[in-house]
Amino acid sequence: PQGSQGQLLSRRALGPNPQVDENWLSEGSVLPPLQSG
């Protein structure tokens, strides 16, 4: 979110089909609400 502290990094392990991602979220980071199909 704009004005927020934090950082989200990701890298694809497998994909796009099937999809497996490794993610790194820095301390204090809050992501907006998410949803997937």
PDB file of all heavy atoms in Angstrom:
ATOM      1  N   PRO A   1       0.825  -1.217   0.000  1.00  0.00           N
ATOM      2  CA  PRO A   1       0.000   0.000   0.000  1.00  0.00           C
ATOM      3  C   PRO A   1       0.852   1.258   0.000  1.00  0.00           C
ATOM      4  O   PRO A   1       1.887   1.324   0.665  1.00  0.00           O
ATOM      5  CB  PRO A   1      -0.804  -0.131   1.303  1.00  0.00           C
ATOM      6  CG  PRO A   1      -0.872  -1.608   1.560  1.00  0.00           C
ATOM      7  CD  PRO A   1       0.445  -2.146   1.080  1.00  0.00           C
ATOM      8  N   GLN A   2       0.419   2.269  -0.758  1.00  0.00           N
ATOM      9  CA  GLN A   2       1.171   3.508  -0.884  1.00  0.00           C
ATOM     10  C   GLN A   2       1.347   4.166   0.481  1.00  0.00           C
ATOM     11  O   GLN A   2       0.408   4.264   1.270  1.00  0.00           O
ATOM     12  CB  GLN A   2       0.445   4.464  -1.839  1.00  0.00           C
ATOM     13  CG  GLN A   2       1.267   5.692  -2.208  1.00  0.00           C
ATOM     14  CD  GLN A   2       0.582   6.509  -3.293  1.00  0.00           C
ATOM     15  OE1 GLN A   2      -0.534   6.220  -3.680  1.00  0.00           O
ATOM     16  NE2 GLN A   2       1.273   7.525  -3.789  1.00  0.00           N
ATOM     17  N   GLY A   3       2.558   4.600   0.746  1.00  0.00           N
ATOM     18  CA  GLY A   3       2.852   5.253   2.014  1.00  0.00           C
ATOM     19  C   GLY A   3       3.224   4.288   3.117  1.00  0.00           C
ATOM     20  O   GLY A   3       3.588   4.709   4.213  1.00  0.00           O
ATOM     21  N   SER A   4       3.153   2.982   2.851  1.00  0.00           N
ATOM     22  CA  SER A   4       3.480   1.986   3.869  1.00  0.00           C
ATOM     23  C   SER A   4       4.927   1.562   3.755  1.00  0.00           C
ATOM     24  O   SER A   4       5.526   1.593   2.687  1.00  0.00           O
ATOM     25  CB  SER A   4       2.581   0.752   3.728  1.00  0.00           C
ATOM     26  OG  SER A   4       1.224   1.102   3.853  1.00  0.00           O
ATOM     27  N   GLN A   5       5.486   1.152   4.875  1.00  0.00           N
ATOM     28  CA  GLN A   5       6.811   0.572   4.878  1.00  0.00           C
ATOM     29  C   GLN A   5       6.694  -0.906   4.497  1.00  0.00           C
ATOM     30  O   GLN A   5       5.684  -1.551   4.718  1.00  0.00           O
ATOM     31  CB  GLN A   5       7.448   0.693   6.272  1.00  0.00           C
ATOM     32  CG  GLN A   5       7.659   2.128   6.727  1.00  0.00           C
ATOM     33  CD  GLN A   5       8.708   2.857   5.901  1.00  0.00           C
ATOM     34  OE1 GLN A   5       9.710   2.254   5.502  1.00  0.00           O
ATOM     35  NE2 GLN A   5       8.494   4.128   5.633  1.00  0.00           N
ATOM     36  N   GLY A   6       7.749  -1.454   3.928  1.00  0.00           N
ATOM     37  CA  GLY A   6       7.720  -2.881   3.653  1.00  0.00           C
ATOM     38  C   GLY A   6       8.181  -3.200   2.253  1.00  0.00           C
ATOM     39  O   GLY A   6       8.317  -2.327   1.379  1.00  0.00           O
ATOM     40  N   GLN A   7       8.402  -4.483   2.039  1.00  0.00           N
ATOM     41  CA  GLN A   7       8.897  -4.944   0.753  1.00  0.00           C
ATOM     42  C   GLN A   7       8.451  -6.387   0.532  1.00  0.00           C
ATOM     43  O   GLN A   7       8.481  -7.213   1.442  1.00  0.00           O
ATOM     44  CB  GLN A   7      10.429  -4.861   0.727  1.00  0.00           C
ATOM     45  CG  GLN A   7      11.062  -5.150  -0.629  1.00  0.00           C
ATOM     46  CD  GLN A   7      12.568  -4.996  -0.605  1.00  0.00           C
ATOM     47  OE1 GLN A   7      13.211  -5.247   0.414  1.00  0.00           O
ATOM     48  NE2 GLN A   7      13.148  -4.573  -1.713  1.00  0.00           N
ATOM     49  N   LEU A   8       8.011  -6.681  -0.694  1.00  0.00           N
ATOM     50  CA  LEU A   8       7.645  -8.029  -1.083  1.00  0.00           C
ATOM     51  C   LEU A   8       8.483  -8.432  -2.293  1.00  0.00           C
ATOM     52  O   LEU A   8       8.483  -7.740  -3.319  1.00  0.00           O
ATOM     53  CB  LEU A   8       6.161  -8.123  -1.436  1.00  0.00           C
ATOM     54  CG  LEU A   8       5.692  -9.459  -2.043  1.00  0.00           C
ATOM     55  CD1 LEU A   8       5.844 -10.584  -1.026  1.00  0.00           C
ATOM     56  CD2 LEU A   8       4.260  -9.367  -2.547  1.00  0.00           C
ATOM     57  N   LEU A   9       9.209  -9.543  -2.159  1.00  0.00           N
ATOM     58  CA  LEU A   9       9.983 -10.095  -3.253  1.00  0.00           C
ATOM     59  C   LEU A   9       9.487 -11.507  -3.534  1.00  0.00           C
ATOM     60  O   LEU A   9       9.026 -12.211  -2.632  1.00  0.00           O
ATOM     61  CB  LEU A   9      11.480 -10.157  -2.900  1.00  0.00           C
ATOM     62  CG  LEU A   9      12.175  -8.855  -2.498  1.00  0.00           C
ATOM     63  CD1 LEU A   9      13.619  -9.145  -2.095  1.00  0.00           C
ATOM     64  CD2 LEU A   9      12.133  -7.852  -3.636  1.00  0.00           C
ATOM     65  N   SER A  10       9.581 -11.933  -4.784  1.00  0.00           N
ATOM     66  CA  SER A  10       9.208 -13.304  -5.121  1.00  0.00           C
ATOM     67  C   SER A  10      10.079 -13.803  -6.267  1.00  0.00           C
ATOM     68  O   SER A  10      10.643 -13.011  -7.028  1.00  0.00           O
ATOM     69  CB  SER A  10       7.726 -13.405  -5.496  1.00  0.00           C
ATOM     70  OG  SER A  10       7.490 -12.826  -6.762  1.00  0.00           O
ATOM     71  N   ARG A  11      10.176 -15.127  -6.360  1.00  0.00           N
ATOM     72  CA  ARG A  11      10.825 -15.745  -7.516  1.00  0.00           C
ATOM     73  C   ARG A  11      10.109 -17.059  -7.807  1.00  0.00           C
ATOM     74  O   ARG A  11       9.657 -17.760  -6.914  1.00  0.00           O
ATOM     75  CB  ARG A  11      12.308 -15.959  -7.292  1.00  0.00           C
ATOM     76  CG  ARG A  11      12.692 -16.839  -6.118  1.00  0.00           C
ATOM     77  CD  ARG A  11      14.203 -16.876  -5.985  1.00  0.00           C
ATOM     78  NE  ARG A  11      14.656 -17.620  -4.812  1.00  0.00           N
ATOM     79  CZ  ARG A  11      15.909 -17.655  -4.392  1.00  0.00           C
ATOM     80  NH1 ARG A  11      16.839 -16.951  -5.039  1.00  0.00           N
ATOM     81  NH2 ARG A  11      16.258 -18.360  -3.332  1.00  0.00           N
ATOM     82  N   ARG A  12       9.990 -17.349  -9.075  1.00  0.00           N
ATOM     83  CA  ARG A  12       9.267 -18.520  -9.534  1.00  0.00           C
ATOM     84  C   ARG A  12      10.137 -19.770  -9.361  1.00  0.00           C
ATOM     85  O   ARG A  12      11.257 -19.825  -9.844  1.00  0.00           O
ATOM     86  CB  ARG A  12       8.873 -18.325 -10.997  1.00  0.00           C
ATOM     87  CG  ARG A  12       8.043 -19.423 -11.635  1.00  0.00           C
ATOM     88  CD  ARG A  12       6.685 -19.603 -11.005  1.00  0.00           C
ATOM     89  NE  ARG A  12       5.915 -18.402 -10.848  1.00  0.00           N
ATOM     90  CZ  ARG A  12       5.116 -17.885 -11.801  1.00  0.00           C
ATOM     91  NH1 ARG A  12       5.027 -18.480 -12.985  1.00  0.00           N
ATOM     92  NH2 ARG A  12       4.408 -16.806 -11.555  1.00  0.00           N
ATOM     93  N   ALA A  13       9.618 -20.769  -8.668  1.00  0.00           N
ATOM     94  CA  ALA A  13      10.301 -22.048  -8.531  1.00  0.00           C
ATOM     95  C   ALA A  13       9.867 -22.994  -9.641  1.00  0.00           C
ATOM     96  O   ALA A  13      10.694 -23.654 -10.262  1.00  0.00           O
ATOM     97  CB  ALA A  13      10.030 -22.658  -7.158  1.00  0.00           C
ATOM     98  N   LEU A  14       8.570 -23.076  -9.880  1.00  0.00           N
ATOM     99  CA  LEU A  14       8.003 -23.837 -10.993  1.00  0.00           C
ATOM    100  C   LEU A  14       6.885 -23.006 -11.594  1.00  0.00           C
ATOM    101  O   LEU A  14       6.178 -22.281 -10.891  1.00  0.00           O
ATOM    102  CB  LEU A  14       7.425 -25.173 -10.517  1.00  0.00           C
ATOM    103  CG  LEU A  14       8.377 -26.245  -9.985  1.00  0.00           C
ATOM    104  CD1 LEU A  14       7.578 -27.432  -9.465  1.00  0.00           C
ATOM    105  CD2 LEU A  14       9.376 -26.696 -11.041  1.00  0.00           C
ATOM    106  N   GLY A  15       6.689 -23.136 -12.886  1.00  0.00           N
ATOM    107  CA  GLY A  15       5.570 -22.419 -13.440  1.00  0.00           C
ATOM    108  C   GLY A  15       5.803 -21.999 -14.882  1.00  0.00           C
ATOM    109  O   GLY A  15       6.879 -22.200 -15.442  1.00  0.00           O
ATOM    110  N   PRO A  16       4.733 -21.468 -15.462  1.00  0.00           N
ATOM    111  CA  PRO A  16       3.502 -21.048 -14.780  1.00  0.00           C
ATOM    112  C   PRO A  16       2.504 -22.162 -14.498  1.00  0.00           C
ATOM    113  O   PRO A  16       1.474 -21.906 -13.884  1.00  0.00           O
ATOM    114  CB  PRO A  16       2.900 -20.033 -15.772  1.00  0.00           C
ATOM    115  CG  PRO A  16       3.352 -20.531 -17.108  1.00  0.00           C
ATOM    116  CD  PRO A  16       4.732 -21.082 -16.886  1.00  0.00           C
ATOM    117  N   ASN A  17       2.778 -23.379 -14.961  1.00  0.00           N
ATOM    118  CA  ASN A  17       1.795 -24.442 -14.759  1.00  0.00           C
ATOM    119  C   ASN A  17       2.523 -25.757 -14.543  1.00  0.00           C
ATOM    120  O   ASN A  17       3.055 -26.319 -15.493  1.00  0.00           O
ATOM    121  CB  ASN A  17       0.876 -24.524 -15.982  1.00  0.00           C
ATOM    122  CG  ASN A  17      -0.205 -25.565 -15.834  1.00  0.00           C
ATOM    123  OD1 ASN A  17      -0.518 -25.975 -14.731  1.00  0.00           O
ATOM    124  ND2 ASN A  17      -0.741 -26.021 -16.950  1.00  0.00           N
ATOM    125  N   PRO A  18       2.565 -26.290 -13.313  1.00  0.00           N
ATOM    126  CA  PRO A  18       1.995 -25.732 -12.088  1.00  0.00           C
ATOM    127  C   PRO A  18       2.808 -24.542 -11.586  1.00  0.00           C
ATOM    128  O   PRO A  18       3.944 -24.340 -12.019  1.00  0.00           O
ATOM    129  CB  PRO A  18       2.059 -26.895 -11.100  1.00  0.00           C
ATOM    130  CG  PRO A  18       3.256 -27.664 -11.547  1.00  0.00           C
ATOM    131  CD  PRO A  18       3.260 -27.573 -13.046  1.00  0.00           C
ATOM    132  N   GLN A  19       2.222 -23.795 -10.674  1.00  0.00           N
ATOM    133  CA  GLN A  19       2.847 -22.578 -10.190  1.00  0.00           C
ATOM    134  C   GLN A  19       3.280 -22.745  -8.735  1.00  0.00           C
ATOM    135  O   GLN A  19       2.470 -23.004  -7.865  1.00  0.00           O
ATOM    136  CB  GLN A  19       1.890 -21.389 -10.306  1.00  0.00           C
ATOM    137  CG  GLN A  19       2.523 -20.068  -9.889  1.00  0.00           C
ATOM    138  CD  GLN A  19       1.599 -18.888 -10.132  1.00  0.00           C
ATOM    139  OE1 GLN A  19       0.756 -18.935 -11.023  1.00  0.00           O
ATOM    140  NE2 GLN A  19       1.741 -17.846  -9.341  1.00  0.00           N
ATOM    141  N   VAL A  20       4.584 -22.580  -8.529  1.00  0.00           N
ATOM    142  CA  VAL A  20       5.170 -22.608  -7.197  1.00  0.00           C
ATOM    143  C   VAL A  20       6.092 -21.402  -7.075  1.00  0.00           C
ATOM    144  O   VAL A  20       7.014 -21.238  -7.884  1.00  0.00           O
ATOM    145  CB  VAL A  20       5.967 -23.904  -6.944  1.00  0.00           C
ATOM    146  CG1 VAL A  20       6.567 -23.894  -5.543  1.00  0.00           C
ATOM    147  CG2 VAL A  20       5.085 -25.133  -7.141  1.00  0.00           C
ATOM    148  N   ASP A  21       5.841 -20.543  -6.101  1.00  0.00           N
ATOM    149  CA  ASP A  21       6.629 -19.326  -5.915  1.00  0.00           C
ATOM    150  C   ASP A  21       7.243 -19.312  -4.527  1.00  0.00           C
ATOM    151  O   ASP A  21       6.618 -19.719  -3.542  1.00  0.00           O
ATOM    152  CB  ASP A  21       5.749 -18.076  -6.052  1.00  0.00           C
ATOM    153  CG  ASP A  21       5.127 -17.936  -7.429  1.00  0.00           C
ATOM    154  OD1 ASP A  21       5.804 -18.259  -8.409  1.00  0.00           O
ATOM    155  OD2 ASP A  21       3.958 -17.523  -7.508  1.00  0.00           O
ATOM    156  N   GLU A  22       8.483 -18.814  -4.463  1.00  0.00           N
ATOM    157  CA  GLU A  22       9.124 -18.524  -3.179  1.00  0.00           C
ATOM    158  C   GLU A  22       9.003 -17.022  -2.944  1.00  0.00           C
ATOM    159  O   GLU A  22       9.286 -16.221  -3.834  1.00  0.00           O
ATOM    160  CB  GLU A  22      10.590 -18.949  -3.217  1.00  0.00           C
ATOM    161  CG  GLU A  22      11.312 -18.792  -1.900  1.00  0.00           C
ATOM    162  CD  GLU A  22      12.770 -19.219  -1.983  1.00  0.00           C
ATOM    163  OE1 GLU A  22      13.201 -19.671  -3.073  1.00  0.00           O
ATOM    164  OE2 GLU A  22      13.486 -19.081  -0.976  1.00  0.00           O
ATOM    165  N   ASN A  23       8.571 -16.640  -1.751  1.00  0.00           N
ATOM    166  CA  ASN A  23       8.308 -15.236  -1.461  1.00  0.00           C
ATOM    167  C   ASN A  23       9.058 -14.791  -0.205  1.00  0.00           C
ATOM    168  O   ASN A  23       9.301 -15.588   0.705  1.00  0.00           O
ATOM    169  CB  ASN A  23       6.807 -15.007  -1.239  1.00  0.00           C
ATOM    170  CG  ASN A  23       5.983 -15.386  -2.444  1.00  0.00           C
ATOM    171  OD1 ASN A  23       5.743 -14.581  -3.331  1.00  0.00           O
ATOM    172  ND2 ASN A  23       5.542 -16.646  -2.492  1.00  0.00           N
ATOM    173  N   TRP A  24       9.379 -13.491  -0.173  1.00  0.00           N
ATOM    174  CA  TRP A  24      10.020 -12.894   0.990  1.00  0.00           C
ATOM    175  C   TRP A  24       9.296 -11.591   1.302  1.00  0.00           C
ATOM    176  O   TRP A  24       9.211 -10.691   0.463  1.00  0.00           O
ATOM    177  CB  TRP A  24      11.497 -12.636   0.716  1.00  0.00           C
ATOM    178  CG  TRP A  24      12.234 -11.992   1.855  1.00  0.00           C
ATOM    179  CD1 TRP A  24      12.733 -12.589   2.971  1.00  0.00           C
ATOM    180  CD2 TRP A  24      12.533 -10.594   1.988  1.00  0.00           C
ATOM    181  NE1 TRP A  24      13.330 -11.664   3.792  1.00  0.00           N
ATOM    182  CE2 TRP A  24      13.222 -10.436   3.217  1.00  0.00           C
ATOM    183  CE3 TRP A  24      12.278  -9.469   1.190  1.00  0.00           C
ATOM    184  CZ2 TRP A  24      13.668  -9.195   3.660  1.00  0.00           C
ATOM    185  CZ3 TRP A  24      12.717  -8.238   1.631  1.00  0.00           C
ATOM    186  CH2 TRP A  24      13.412  -8.099   2.853  1.00  0.00           C
ATOM    187  N   LEU A  25       8.756 -11.499   2.531  1.00  0.00           N
ATOM    188  CA  LEU A  25       8.016 -10.318   2.980  1.00  0.00           C
ATOM    189  C   LEU A  25       8.771  -9.720   4.161  1.00  0.00           C
ATOM    190  O   LEU A  25       9.012 -10.402   5.165  1.00  0.00           O
ATOM    191  CB  LEU A  25       6.597 -10.725   3.392  1.00  0.00           C
ATOM    192  CG  LEU A  25       5.586  -9.617   3.686  1.00  0.00           C
ATOM    193  CD1 LEU A  25       5.325  -8.761   2.447  1.00  0.00           C
ATOM    194  CD2 LEU A  25       4.277 -10.223   4.193  1.00  0.00           C
ATOM    195  N   SER A  26       9.164  -8.442   4.032  1.00  0.00           N
ATOM    196  CA  SER A  26       9.977  -7.823   5.076  1.00  0.00           C
ATOM    197  C   SER A  26       9.155  -7.544   6.322  1.00  0.00           C
ATOM    198  O   SER A  26       7.929  -7.411   6.277  1.00  0.00           O
ATOM    199  CB  SER A  26      10.606  -6.527   4.567  1.00  0.00           C
ATOM    200  OG  SER A  26       9.600  -5.554   4.325  1.00  0.00           O
ATOM    201  N   GLU A  27       9.835  -7.476   7.464  1.00  0.00           N
ATOM    202  CA  GLU A  27       9.157  -7.276   8.750  1.00  0.00           C
ATOM    203  C   GLU A  27       8.316  -6.000   8.736  1.00  0.00           C
ATOM    204  O   GLU A  27       8.700  -4.977   8.178  1.00  0.00           O
ATOM    205  CB  GLU A  27      10.176  -7.225   9.881  1.00  0.00           C
ATOM    206  CG  GLU A  27      11.176  -6.085   9.795  1.00  0.00           C
ATOM    207  CD  GLU A  27      12.160  -6.097  10.952  1.00  0.00           C
ATOM    208  OE1 GLU A  27      12.970  -7.038  11.018  1.00  0.00           O
ATOM    209  OE2 GLU A  27      12.091  -5.172  11.789  1.00  0.00           O
ATOM    210  N   GLY A  28       7.132  -6.115   9.315  1.00  0.00           N
ATOM    211  CA  GLY A  28       6.222  -4.974   9.381  1.00  0.00           C
ATOM    212  C   GLY A  28       5.388  -4.757   8.136  1.00  0.00           C
ATOM    213  O   GLY A  28       4.557  -3.849   8.098  1.00  0.00           O
ATOM    214  N   SER A  29       5.585  -5.585   7.102  1.00  0.00           N
ATOM    215  CA  SER A  29       4.833  -5.415   5.859  1.00  0.00           C
ATOM    216  C   SER A  29       3.429  -6.016   5.992  1.00  0.00           C
ATOM    217  O   SER A  29       3.255  -7.108   6.542  1.00  0.00           O
ATOM    218  CB  SER A  29       5.555  -6.093   4.694  1.00  0.00           C
ATOM    219  OG  SER A  29       6.821  -5.522   4.478  1.00  0.00           O
ATOM    220  N   VAL A  30       2.452  -5.292   5.461  1.00  0.00           N
ATOM    221  CA  VAL A  30       1.067  -5.776   5.433  1.00  0.00           C
ATOM    222  C   VAL A  30       0.583  -5.696   3.991  1.00  0.00           C
ATOM    223  O   VAL A  30       0.545  -4.615   3.391  1.00  0.00           O
ATOM    224  CB  VAL A  30       0.148  -4.937   6.344  1.00  0.00           C
ATOM    225  CG1 VAL A  30      -1.283  -5.487   6.290  1.00  0.00           C
ATOM    226  CG2 VAL A  30       0.663  -4.930   7.776  1.00  0.00           C
ATOM    227  N   LEU A  31       0.227  -6.844   3.411  1.00  0.00           N
ATOM    228  CA  LEU A  31      -0.268  -6.851   2.043  1.00  0.00           C
ATOM    229  C   LEU A  31      -1.752  -6.530   2.017  1.00  0.00           C
ATOM    230  O   LEU A  31      -2.480  -6.806   2.989  1.00  0.00           O
ATOM    231  CB  LEU A  31      -0.027  -8.218   1.394  1.00  0.00           C
ATOM    232  CG  LEU A  31       1.423  -8.680   1.282  1.00  0.00           C
ATOM    233  CD1 LEU A  31       1.500  -9.993   0.508  1.00  0.00           C
ATOM    234  CD2 LEU A  31       2.286  -7.619   0.614  1.00  0.00           C
ATOM    235  N   PRO A  32      -2.246  -5.950   0.941  1.00  0.00           N
ATOM    236  CA  PRO A  32      -3.683  -5.695   0.828  1.00  0.00           C
ATOM    237  C   PRO A  32      -4.439  -7.018   0.724  1.00  0.00           C
ATOM    238  O   PRO A  32      -3.842  -8.069   0.479  1.00  0.00           O
ATOM    239  CB  PRO A  32      -3.786  -4.886  -0.465  1.00  0.00           C
ATOM    240  CG  PRO A  32      -2.594  -5.293  -1.259  1.00  0.00           C
ATOM    241  CD  PRO A  32      -1.502  -5.526  -0.266  1.00  0.00           C
ATOM    242  N   PRO A  33      -5.746  -7.022   0.930  1.00  0.00           N
ATOM    243  CA  PRO A  33      -6.522  -8.263   0.793  1.00  0.00           C
ATOM    244  C   PRO A  33      -6.304  -8.910  -0.572  1.00  0.00           C
ATOM    245  O   PRO A  33      -6.282  -8.229  -1.603  1.00  0.00           O
ATOM    246  CB  PRO A  33      -7.968  -7.791   0.971  1.00  0.00           C
ATOM    247  CG  PRO A  33      -7.849  -6.556   1.812  1.00  0.00           C
ATOM    248  CD  PRO A  33      -6.576  -5.892   1.365  1.00  0.00           C
ATOM    249  N   LEU A  34      -6.112 -10.215  -0.565  1.00  0.00           N
ATOM    250  CA  LEU A  34      -5.828 -10.983  -1.777  1.00  0.00           C
ATOM    251  C   LEU A  34      -6.903 -12.040  -1.997  1.00  0.00           C
ATOM    252  O   LEU A  34      -7.587 -12.455  -1.064  1.00  0.00           O
ATOM    253  CB  LEU A  34      -4.454 -11.662  -1.659  1.00  0.00           C
ATOM    254  CG  LEU A  34      -3.252 -10.761  -1.371  1.00  0.00           C
ATOM    255  CD1 LEU A  34      -2.034 -11.596  -1.021  1.00  0.00           C
ATOM    256  CD2 LEU A  34      -2.959  -9.863  -2.563  1.00  0.00           C
ATOM    257  N   GLN A  35      -7.038 -12.471  -3.240  1.00  0.00           N
ATOM    258  CA  GLN A  35      -8.004 -13.513  -3.579  1.00  0.00           C
ATOM    259  C   GLN A  35      -7.549 -14.186  -4.868  1.00  0.00           C
ATOM    260  O   GLN A  35      -6.973 -13.546  -5.749  1.00  0.00           O
ATOM    261  CB  GLN A  35      -9.404 -12.931  -3.745  1.00  0.00           C
ATOM    262  CG  GLN A  35     -10.496 -13.975  -3.894  1.00  0.00           C
ATOM    263  CD  GLN A  35     -11.861 -13.340  -4.115  1.00  0.00           C
ATOM    264  OE1 GLN A  35     -12.286 -13.155  -5.251  1.00  0.00           O
ATOM    265  NE2 GLN A  35     -12.545 -12.982  -3.035  1.00  0.00           N
ATOM    266  N   SER A  36      -7.796 -15.485  -4.980  1.00  0.00           N
ATOM    267  CA  SER A  36      -7.399 -16.234  -6.168  1.00  0.00           C
ATOM    268  C   SER A  36      -8.556 -17.104  -6.641  1.00  0.00           C
ATOM    269  O   SER A  36      -9.390 -17.546  -5.840  1.00  0.00           O
ATOM    270  CB  SER A  36      -6.177 -17.114  -5.866  1.00  0.00           C
ATOM    271  OG  SER A  36      -5.878 -17.960  -6.959  1.00  0.00           O
ATOM    272  N   GLY A  37      -8.570 -17.374  -7.942  1.00  0.00           N
ATOM    273  CA  GLY A  37      -9.559 -18.280  -8.504  1.00  0.00           C
ATOM    274  C   GLY A  37      -9.173 -19.740  -8.370  1.00  0.00           C
ATOM    275  O   GLY A  37      -9.913 -20.621  -8.831  1.00  0.00           O
TER     276      GLY A  37
END
